[in-house]
C-alpha atoms as a PDB file:
ATOM      1  CA  MET A   1     165.176 164.563  91.688  1.00  0.00           C
ATOM      2  CA  LYS A   2     166.261 164.502  95.316  1.00  0.00           C
ATOM      3  CA  PRO A   3     165.022 161.344  97.061  1.00  0.00           C
ATOM      4  CA  LEU A   4     162.414 161.749  99.783  1.00  0.00           C
ATOM      5  CA  ALA A   5     163.482 161.519 103.403  1.00  0.00           C
ATOM      6  CA  PRO A   6     162.352 158.273 105.094  1.00  0.00           C
ATOM      7  CA  LEU A   7     159.528 159.929 107.053  1.00  0.00           C
ATOM      8  CA  ALA A   8     158.265 161.848 104.015  1.00  0.00           C
ATOM      9  CA  LEU A   9     158.285 158.634 101.977  1.00  0.00           C
ATOM     10  CA  PHE A  10     156.451 156.781 104.761  1.00  0.00           C
ATOM     11  CA  THR A  11     153.830 159.560 104.918  1.00  0.00           C
ATOM     12  CA  ARG A  12     153.325 159.522 101.153  1.00  0.00           C
ATOM     13  CA  GLU A  13     152.897 155.754 101.161  1.00  0.00           C
ATOM     14  CA  ARG A  14     150.360 156.028 103.982  1.00  0.00           C
ATOM     15  CA  ARG A  15     148.326 158.612 102.082  1.00  0.00           C
ATOM     16  CA  ALA A  16     148.278 156.410  98.996  1.00  0.00           C
ATOM     17  CA  ARG A  17     147.187 153.429 101.069  1.00  0.00           C
ATOM     18  CA  LEU A  18     144.349 155.368 102.701  1.00  0.00           C
ATOM     19  CA  ALA A  19     143.210 156.672  99.328  1.00  0.00           C
ATOM     20  CA  GLY A  20     143.032 153.047  98.238  1.00  0.00           C
ATOM     21  CA  TYR A  21     140.789 152.223 101.205  1.00  0.00           C
ATOM     22  CA  ALA A  22     138.278 154.788  99.963  1.00  0.00           C
ATOM     23  CA  ARG A  23     137.976 152.819  96.713  1.00  0.00           C
ATOM     24  CA  ASP A  24     138.056 149.396  98.350  1.00  0.00           C
ATOM     25  CA  SER A  25     134.374 148.639  98.882  1.00  0.00           C
ATOM     26  CA  ALA A  26     135.063 145.018  99.830  1.00  0.00           C
ATOM     27  CA  PHE A  27     137.428 145.997 102.642  1.00  0.00           C
ATOM     28  CA  ARG A  28     135.011 148.619 103.938  1.00  0.00           C
ATOM     29  CA  ALA A  29     132.182 146.067 103.849  1.00  0.00           C
ATOM     30  CA  LEU A  30     134.291 143.639 105.889  1.00  0.00           C
ATOM     31  CA  SER A  31     134.882 146.381 108.445  1.00  0.00           C
ATOM     32  CA  ARG A  32     131.155 147.141 108.681  1.00  0.00           C
ATOM     33  CA  ASP A  33     130.311 143.447 109.036  1.00  0.00           C
ATOM     34  CA  TRP A  34     132.885 142.945 111.785  1.00  0.00           C
ATOM     35  CA  LEU A  35     131.635 146.029 113.633  1.00  0.00           C
ATOM     36  CA  ARG A  36     128.067 144.728 113.534  1.00  0.00           C
ATOM     37  CA  ALA A  37     129.189 141.318 114.793  1.00  0.00           C
ATOM     38  CA  SER A  38     131.185 142.934 117.587  1.00  0.00           C
ATOM     39  CA  VAL A  39     128.120 144.859 118.807  1.00  0.00           C
ATOM     40  CA  GLN A  40     126.130 141.632 119.018  1.00  0.00           C
ATOM     41  CA  ARG A  41     128.908 140.099 121.111  1.00  0.00           C
ATOM     42  CA  GLN A  42     129.455 143.162 123.371  1.00  0.00           C
ATOM     43  CA  TYR A  43     133.101 143.232 122.333  1.00  0.00           C
ATOM     44  CA  VAL A  44     133.537 146.838 123.430  1.00  0.00           C
ATOM     45  CA  TYR A  45     133.125 145.866 127.108  1.00  0.00           C
ATOM     46  CA  ASN A  46     136.294 143.745 127.131  1.00  0.00           C
ATOM     47  CA  PHE A  47     138.973 146.359 127.871  1.00  0.00           C
ATOM     48  CA  ASP A  48     140.576 148.342 130.696  1.00  0.00           C
ATOM     49  CA  TRP A  49     142.775 151.411 130.679  1.00  0.00           C
ATOM     50  CA  LEU A  50     145.243 151.533 133.567  1.00  0.00           C
ATOM     51  CA  GLY A  51     142.987 149.300 135.626  1.00  0.00           C
ATOM     52  CA  ARG A  52     139.587 150.909 134.937  1.00  0.00           C
ATOM     53  CA  PRO A  53     137.007 149.459 132.520  1.00  0.00           C
ATOM     54  CA  ILE A  54     136.762 151.528 129.349  1.00  0.00           C
ATOM     55  CA  ILE A  55     133.819 151.059 127.002  1.00  0.00           C
ATOM     56  CA  GLN A  56     135.605 151.961 123.775  1.00  0.00           C
ATOM     57  CA  TYR A  57     137.037 150.180 120.767  1.00  0.00           C
ATOM     58  CA  PRO A  58     140.849 149.941 120.883  1.00  0.00           C
ATOM     59  CA  GLN A  59     140.953 151.751 117.533  1.00  0.00           C
ATOM     60  CA  ASP A  60     139.176 154.749 119.065  1.00  0.00           C
ATOM     61  CA  MET A  61     141.590 154.759 121.994  1.00  0.00           C
ATOM     62  CA  VAL A  62     144.452 155.042 119.497  1.00  0.00           C
ATOM     63  CA  ALA A  63     142.613 157.833 117.684  1.00  0.00           C
ATOM     64  CA  MET A  64     142.225 159.765 120.927  1.00  0.00           C
ATOM     65  CA  GLN A  65     145.952 159.401 121.594  1.00  0.00           C
ATOM     66  CA  GLU A  66     146.739 160.882 118.194  1.00  0.00           C
ATOM     67  CA  LEU A  67     144.295 163.768 118.655  1.00  0.00           C
ATOM     68  CA  VAL A  68     145.533 164.624 122.147  1.00  0.00           C
ATOM     69  CA  TRP A  69     149.159 164.610 120.988  1.00  0.00           C
ATOM     70  CA  ARG A  70     148.298 166.779 117.982  1.00  0.00           C
ATOM     71  CA  VAL A  71     146.028 169.287 119.720  1.00  0.00           C
ATOM     72  CA  ARG A  72     147.797 169.298 123.116  1.00  0.00           C
ATOM     73  CA  PRO A  73     144.648 170.323 125.027  1.00  0.00           C
ATOM     74  CA  ASP A  74     144.794 171.871 128.474  1.00  0.00           C
ATOM     75  CA  LEU A  75     141.298 170.648 129.323  1.00  0.00           C
ATOM     76  CA  ILE A  76     139.282 167.680 128.064  1.00  0.00           C
ATOM     77  CA  VAL A  77     135.557 167.763 128.868  1.00  0.00           C
ATOM     78  CA  GLU A  78     133.762 164.413 128.700  1.00  0.00           C
ATOM     79  CA  THR A  79     130.049 163.686 129.056  1.00  0.00           C
ATOM     80  CA  GLY A  80     129.411 160.147 130.221  1.00  0.00           C
ATOM     81  CA  ILE A  81     131.643 158.561 132.870  1.00  0.00           C
ATOM     82  CA  ALA A  82     130.472 154.956 133.433  1.00  0.00           C
ATOM     83  CA  HIS A  83     133.394 153.142 135.129  1.00  0.00           C
ATOM     84  CA  GLY A  84     135.830 155.986 134.508  1.00  0.00           C
ATOM     85  CA  GLY A  85     138.156 154.314 132.023  1.00  0.00           C
ATOM     86  CA  SER A  86     137.811 157.084 129.464  1.00  0.00           C
ATOM     87  CA  LEU A  87     138.571 159.731 132.086  1.00  0.00           C
ATOM     88  CA  VAL A  88     141.678 157.802 133.105  1.00  0.00           C
ATOM     89  CA  LEU A  89     142.702 157.445 129.450  1.00  0.00           C
ATOM     90  CA  SER A  90     142.413 161.190 128.892  1.00  0.00           C
ATOM     91  CA  ALA A  91     144.186 161.967 132.157  1.00  0.00           C
ATOM     92  CA  SER A  92     147.089 159.665 131.307  1.00  0.00           C
ATOM     93  CA  LEU A  93     147.481 161.197 127.866  1.00  0.00           C
ATOM     94  CA  LEU A  94     147.527 164.682 129.381  1.00  0.00           C
ATOM     95  CA  ALA A  95     150.093 163.477 131.916  1.00  0.00           C
ATOM     96  CA  LEU A  96     152.338 162.426 129.039  1.00  0.00           C
ATOM     97  CA  LEU A  97     151.964 165.881 127.503  1.00  0.00           C
ATOM     98  CA  ASP A  98     153.009 167.503 130.782  1.00  0.00           C
ATOM     99  CA  LEU A  99     155.924 165.082 131.031  1.00  0.00           C
ATOM    100  CA  SER A 100     157.085 165.796 127.485  1.00  0.00           C
ATOM    101  CA  ASP A 101     156.846 169.553 128.074  1.00  0.00           C
ATOM    102  CA  ALA A 102     158.902 169.266 131.238  1.00  0.00           C
ATOM    103  CA  ALA A 103     161.497 167.050 129.569  1.00  0.00           C
ATOM    104  CA  GLU A 104     161.853 169.445 126.643  1.00  0.00           C
ATOM    105  CA  ALA A 105     162.152 172.489 128.898  1.00  0.00           C
ATOM    106  CA  GLY A 106     164.362 170.735 131.442  1.00  0.00           C
ATOM    107  CA  THR A 107     162.077 171.749 134.302  1.00  0.00           C
ATOM    108  CA  PRO A 108     160.851 169.763 137.338  1.00  0.00           C
ATOM    109  CA  LEU A 109     157.402 168.149 137.146  1.00  0.00           C
ATOM    110  CA  ASP A 110     155.138 167.908 140.188  1.00  0.00           C
ATOM    111  CA  PRO A 111     152.516 165.220 139.441  1.00  0.00           C
ATOM    112  CA  ARG A 112     150.366 166.572 142.261  1.00  0.00           C
ATOM    113  CA  ALA A 113     149.990 169.937 140.534  1.00  0.00           C
ATOM    114  CA  PRO A 114     149.019 169.136 136.944  1.00  0.00           C
ATOM    115  CA  ARG A 115     148.592 171.858 134.366  1.00  0.00           C
ATOM    116  CA  ARG A 116     146.255 169.821 132.169  1.00  0.00           C
ATOM    117  CA  THR A 117     143.046 168.294 133.524  1.00  0.00           C
ATOM    118  CA  VAL A 118     139.943 166.288 132.617  1.00  0.00           C
ATOM    119  CA  LEU A 119     136.360 167.137 133.575  1.00  0.00           C
ATOM    120  CA  GLY A 120     133.746 164.377 133.499  1.00  0.00           C
ATOM    121  CA  VAL A 121     129.983 164.903 133.627  1.00  0.00           C
ATOM    122  CA  ASP A 122     127.411 162.182 134.287  1.00  0.00           C
ATOM    123  CA  ILE A 123     123.816 162.174 135.449  1.00  0.00           C
ATOM    124  CA  ASP A 124     124.542 159.271 137.810  1.00  0.00           C
ATOM    125  CA  ILE A 125     128.051 158.677 139.133  1.00  0.00           C
ATOM    126  CA  ARG A 126     127.783 155.405 141.003  1.00  0.00           C
ATOM    127  CA  ALA A 127     129.408 155.501 144.435  1.00  0.00           C
ATOM    128  CA  HIS A 128     131.729 152.559 143.724  1.00  0.00           C
ATOM    129  CA  ASN A 129     132.863 154.114 140.439  1.00  0.00           C
ATOM    130  CA  ARG A 130     133.488 157.501 142.051  1.00  0.00           C
ATOM    131  CA  ALA A 131     135.501 155.843 144.828  1.00  0.00           C
ATOM    132  CA  ALA A 132     137.620 153.884 142.347  1.00  0.00           C
ATOM    133  CA  ILE A 133     138.277 156.947 140.173  1.00  0.00           C
ATOM    134  CA  GLU A 134     139.176 159.097 143.167  1.00  0.00           C
ATOM    135  CA  ALA A 135     141.578 156.393 144.397  1.00  0.00           C
ATOM    136  CA  HIS A 136     143.309 156.084 141.010  1.00  0.00           C
ATOM    137  CA  PRO A 137     146.845 157.497 140.555  1.00  0.00           C
ATOM    138  CA  MET A 138     145.443 159.802 137.841  1.00  0.00           C
ATOM    139  CA  ALA A 139     142.778 161.226 140.171  1.00  0.00           C
ATOM    140  CA  HIS A 140     144.628 164.496 140.706  1.00  0.00           C
ATOM    141  CA  ARG A 141     143.928 165.308 137.050  1.00  0.00           C
ATOM    142  CA  ILE A 142     140.246 164.403 137.136  1.00  0.00           C
ATOM    143  CA  ALA A 143     137.224 166.435 138.284  1.00  0.00           C
ATOM    144  CA  MET A 144     133.649 165.189 138.113  1.00  0.00           C
ATOM    145  CA  ILE A 145     130.239 166.813 138.083  1.00  0.00           C
ATOM    146  CA  GLU A 146     127.095 164.792 138.783  1.00  0.00           C
ATOM    147  CA  GLY A 147     123.979 165.932 136.944  1.00  0.00           C
ATOM    148  CA  SER A 148     122.443 166.078 133.507  1.00  0.00           C
ATOM    149  CA  SER A 149     125.007 167.272 130.982  1.00  0.00           C
ATOM    150  CA  THR A 150     122.442 169.722 129.578  1.00  0.00           C
ATOM    151  CA  ALA A 151     121.139 171.099 132.885  1.00  0.00           C
ATOM    152  CA  PRO A 152     121.762 174.864 133.231  1.00  0.00           C
ATOM    153  CA  GLU A 153     123.452 174.502 136.626  1.00  0.00           C
ATOM    154  CA  VAL A 154     125.811 171.826 135.269  1.00  0.00           C
ATOM    155  CA  LEU A 155     126.630 173.822 132.147  1.00  0.00           C
ATOM    156  CA  ALA A 156     127.422 176.845 134.320  1.00  0.00           C
ATOM    157  CA  GLN A 157     130.011 174.795 136.217  1.00  0.00           C
ATOM    158  CA  VAL A 158     131.523 173.388 133.018  1.00  0.00           C
ATOM    159  CA  ARG A 159     131.778 176.827 131.397  1.00  0.00           C
ATOM    160  CA  ALA A 160     133.398 178.223 134.532  1.00  0.00           C
ATOM    161  CA  ARG A 161     136.094 175.543 134.400  1.00  0.00           C
ATOM    162  CA  ALA A 162     136.684 176.121 130.681  1.00  0.00           C
ATOM    163  CA  ARG A 163     136.849 179.894 130.977  1.00  0.00           C
ATOM    164  CA  GLY A 164     140.283 181.200 130.069  1.00  0.00           C
ATOM    165  CA  VAL A 165     141.671 177.760 129.135  1.00  0.00           C
ATOM    166  CA  GLN A 166     143.876 177.994 126.066  1.00  0.00           C
ATOM    167  CA  ARG A 167     142.990 174.675 124.364  1.00  0.00           C
ATOM    168  CA  VAL A 168     139.812 172.680 125.042  1.00  0.00           C
ATOM    169  CA  MET A 169     138.708 169.323 123.621  1.00  0.00           C
ATOM    170  CA  VAL A 170     135.241 167.806 124.119  1.00  0.00           C
ATOM    171  CA  CYS A 171     134.017 164.181 124.006  1.00  0.00           C
ATOM    172  CA  LEU A 172     130.271 163.463 123.991  1.00  0.00           C
ATOM    173  CA  ASP A 173     129.413 159.947 125.145  1.00  0.00           C
ATOM    174  CA  SER A 174     126.352 160.024 127.399  1.00  0.00           C
ATOM    175  CA  LEU A 175     122.714 159.531 126.356  1.00  0.00           C
ATOM    176  CA  HIS A 176     122.769 158.695 122.637  1.00  0.00           C
ATOM    177  CA  THR A 177     119.357 159.956 121.516  1.00  0.00           C
ATOM    178  CA  HIS A 178     119.127 162.543 118.746  1.00  0.00           C
ATOM    179  CA  ALA A 179     117.573 165.203 120.974  1.00  0.00           C
ATOM    180  CA  HIS A 180     120.094 164.820 123.774  1.00  0.00           C
ATOM    181  CA  VAL A 181     123.176 164.790 121.556  1.00  0.00           C
ATOM    182  CA  LEU A 182     121.864 167.796 119.638  1.00  0.00           C
ATOM    183  CA  ALA A 183     121.434 169.648 122.927  1.00  0.00           C
ATOM    184  CA  GLU A 184     124.952 168.626 123.990  1.00  0.00           C
ATOM    185  CA  LEU A 185     126.415 169.831 120.700  1.00  0.00           C
ATOM    186  CA  ASN A 186     124.736 173.193 121.132  1.00  0.00           C
ATOM    187  CA  ALA A 187     126.034 173.459 124.696  1.00  0.00           C
ATOM    188  CA  TYR A 188     129.527 171.961 124.507  1.00  0.00           C
ATOM    189  CA  ALA A 189     130.831 172.493 120.978  1.00  0.00           C
ATOM    190  CA  PRO A 190     131.243 176.258 121.586  1.00  0.00           C
ATOM    191  CA  LEU A 191     133.804 175.358 124.289  1.00  0.00           C
ATOM    192  CA  VAL A 192     136.050 173.698 121.696  1.00  0.00           C
ATOM    193  CA  THR A 193     138.941 175.955 120.756  1.00  0.00           C
ATOM    194  CA  PRO A 194     139.996 176.480 117.103  1.00  0.00           C
ATOM    195  CA  GLY A 195     141.977 173.539 115.773  1.00  0.00           C
ATOM    196  CA  SER A 196     140.653 171.209 118.470  1.00  0.00           C
ATOM    197  CA  TYR A 197     137.930 168.561 118.324  1.00  0.00           C
ATOM    198  CA  CYS A 198     134.480 167.655 119.523  1.00  0.00           C
ATOM    199  CA  VAL A 199     134.332 163.860 119.328  1.00  0.00           C
ATOM    200  CA  VAL A 200     130.808 162.428 119.223  1.00  0.00           C
ATOM    201  CA  PHE A 201     130.779 158.738 120.088  1.00  0.00           C
ATOM    202  CA  ASP A 202     128.308 156.022 119.047  1.00  0.00           C
ATOM    203  CA  THR A 203     127.398 157.645 115.753  1.00  0.00           C
ATOM    204  CA  PHE A 204     127.712 154.118 114.377  1.00  0.00           C
ATOM    205  CA  VAL A 205     124.196 153.365 115.677  1.00  0.00           C
ATOM    206  CA  GLU A 206     122.857 154.840 112.424  1.00  0.00           C
ATOM    207  CA  ASP A 207     124.857 152.295 110.403  1.00  0.00           C
ATOM    208  CA  LEU A 208     123.758 149.205 112.356  1.00  0.00           C
ATOM    209  CA  PRO A 209     120.645 147.110 111.708  1.00  0.00           C
ATOM    210  CA  PRO A 210     117.477 148.539 113.321  1.00  0.00           C
ATOM    211  CA  GLY A 211     116.874 147.136 116.784  1.00  0.00           C
ATOM    212  CA  SER A 212     120.556 146.529 117.568  1.00  0.00           C
ATOM    213  CA  PHE A 213     120.018 148.111 121.003  1.00  0.00           C
ATOM    214  CA  PRO A 214     116.586 146.808 122.064  1.00  0.00           C
ATOM    215  CA  ASP A 215     116.989 147.952 125.676  1.00  0.00           C
ATOM    216  CA  ARG A 216     118.036 151.505 124.769  1.00  0.00           C
ATOM    217  CA  PRO A 217     116.029 154.542 123.599  1.00  0.00           C
ATOM    218  CA  TRP A 218     118.238 155.143 120.542  1.00  0.00           C
ATOM    219  CA  ASP A 219     118.062 153.405 117.181  1.00  0.00           C
ATOM    220  CA  VAL A 220     118.425 154.009 113.454  1.00  0.00           C
ATOM    221  CA  GLY A 221     117.001 157.471 112.771  1.00  0.00           C
ATOM    222  CA  ASN A 222     117.403 158.587 116.390  1.00  0.00           C
ATOM    223  CA  ASN A 223     121.054 158.637 117.429  1.00  0.00           C
ATOM    224  CA  PRO A 224     124.253 160.713 117.602  1.00  0.00           C
ATOM    225  CA  LYS A 225     124.901 160.633 113.847  1.00  0.00           C
ATOM    226  CA  THR A 226     121.477 162.058 113.000  1.00  0.00           C
ATOM    227  CA  ALA A 227     122.136 164.798 115.557  1.00  0.00           C
ATOM    228  CA  VAL A 228     125.578 165.523 114.088  1.00  0.00           C
ATOM    229  CA  ARG A 229     124.132 165.820 110.589  1.00  0.00           C
ATOM    230  CA  GLN A 230     121.481 168.293 111.702  1.00  0.00           C
ATOM    231  CA  TRP A 231     123.884 170.297 113.835  1.00  0.00           C
ATOM    232  CA  LEU A 232     126.640 170.557 111.226  1.00  0.00           C
ATOM    233  CA  ALA A 233     124.174 172.009 108.712  1.00  0.00           C
ATOM    234  CA  GLY A 234     124.110 175.174 110.794  1.00  0.00           C
ATOM    235  CA  HIS A 235     127.720 175.242 112.025  1.00  0.00           C
ATOM    236  CA  ALA A 236     130.225 175.781 109.234  1.00  0.00           C
ATOM    237  CA  GLU A 237     132.939 176.449 111.827  1.00  0.00           C
ATOM    238  CA  PHE A 238     133.151 172.654 112.310  1.00  0.00           C
ATOM    239  CA  ALA A 239     133.874 169.916 109.775  1.00  0.00           C
ATOM    240  CA  VAL A 240     134.082 166.120 109.900  1.00  0.00           C
ATOM    241  CA  ASP A 241     137.688 164.915 109.893  1.00  0.00           C
ATOM    242  CA  SER A 242     137.099 161.973 107.569  1.00  0.00           C
ATOM    243  CA  ASP A 243     140.808 161.056 107.473  1.00  0.00           C
ATOM    244  CA  ILE A 244     140.548 159.637 110.998  1.00  0.00           C
ATOM    245  CA  GLU A 245     137.628 157.391 110.123  1.00  0.00           C
ATOM    246  CA  GLN A 246     139.372 156.295 106.920  1.00  0.00           C
ATOM    247  CA  ARG A 247     142.448 155.204 108.839  1.00  0.00           C
ATOM    248  CA  LEU A 248     140.540 153.439 111.614  1.00  0.00           C
ATOM    249  CA  GLN A 249     137.965 151.597 109.501  1.00  0.00           C
ATOM    250  CA  LEU A 250     136.613 150.206 112.797  1.00  0.00           C
ATOM    251  CA  THR A 251     135.204 152.996 114.966  1.00  0.00           C
ATOM    252  CA  ALA A 252     132.176 153.780 117.093  1.00  0.00           C
ATOM    253  CA  ALA A 253     132.367 157.367 115.877  1.00  0.00           C
ATOM    254  CA  PRO A 254     132.004 157.479 112.061  1.00  0.00           C
ATOM    255  CA  HIS A 255     131.447 161.128 111.056  1.00  0.00           C
ATOM    256  CA  GLY A 256     131.893 161.916 114.746  1.00  0.00           C
ATOM    257  CA  PHE A 257     135.393 163.429 114.746  1.00  0.00           C
ATOM    258  CA  LEU A 258     134.453 167.093 114.399  1.00  0.00           C
ATOM    259  CA  ARG A 259     137.295 169.562 114.031  1.00  0.00           C
ATOM    260  CA  ARG A 260     136.810 173.254 114.691  1.00  0.00           C
ATOM    261  CA  ARG A 261     138.353 175.318 111.903  1.00  0.00           C
ATOM    262  CA  GLU A 262     141.241 177.622 112.819  1.00  0.00           C
END
């Protein structure tokens, strides 16, 4: 038998390791316990991306890098802006795609005229956050819309920007109640192009102890994961990419990486 090439062997070993995680209840329990402890300690607020605060777990940032490189989207639509770190993350990843395309083709790259862009939507874009985002070196890739992500006038603007775009990815990370996320899924998931993803963040609320967010309107039984479960029951064109969650172990988006079938 011909020996496997190094990369093929590495890939096979990775698959075997991940399959072992699925059977390793102790390891998965440790991951759940650490995640719960991290929520109590507000661990997720500790990080920046290129100078802007980003309210994400580092593991999820790595997952987004892998998805963006794999899908190569032309537009990423994000609901929820906060300090803008996630927008800057997406913009920087799209900048790397444009750079790699230019390097492969041997063509000049004008950073002031990007082909790939990010669109952020938030009901309240604080003036200091808007100013910082607009002053960032990645600002030329970022557009923002202020208003409810489910308002008809906002959705009309989002759909206009997505019209005719070859590859679209969506990230939902605004109000985390069941009703709102369900409405966002109905409105934004149709924008996702085949083979791309709708990533629903903070589905982990369902897996945390009740009352973990006492100052928020979401809780166990009323959160993004409950919305995803209901929505997926009527949308066979999407499926949970469980491989991502299996690799990460620590994620704010368990069952939230939704891939649109090709």
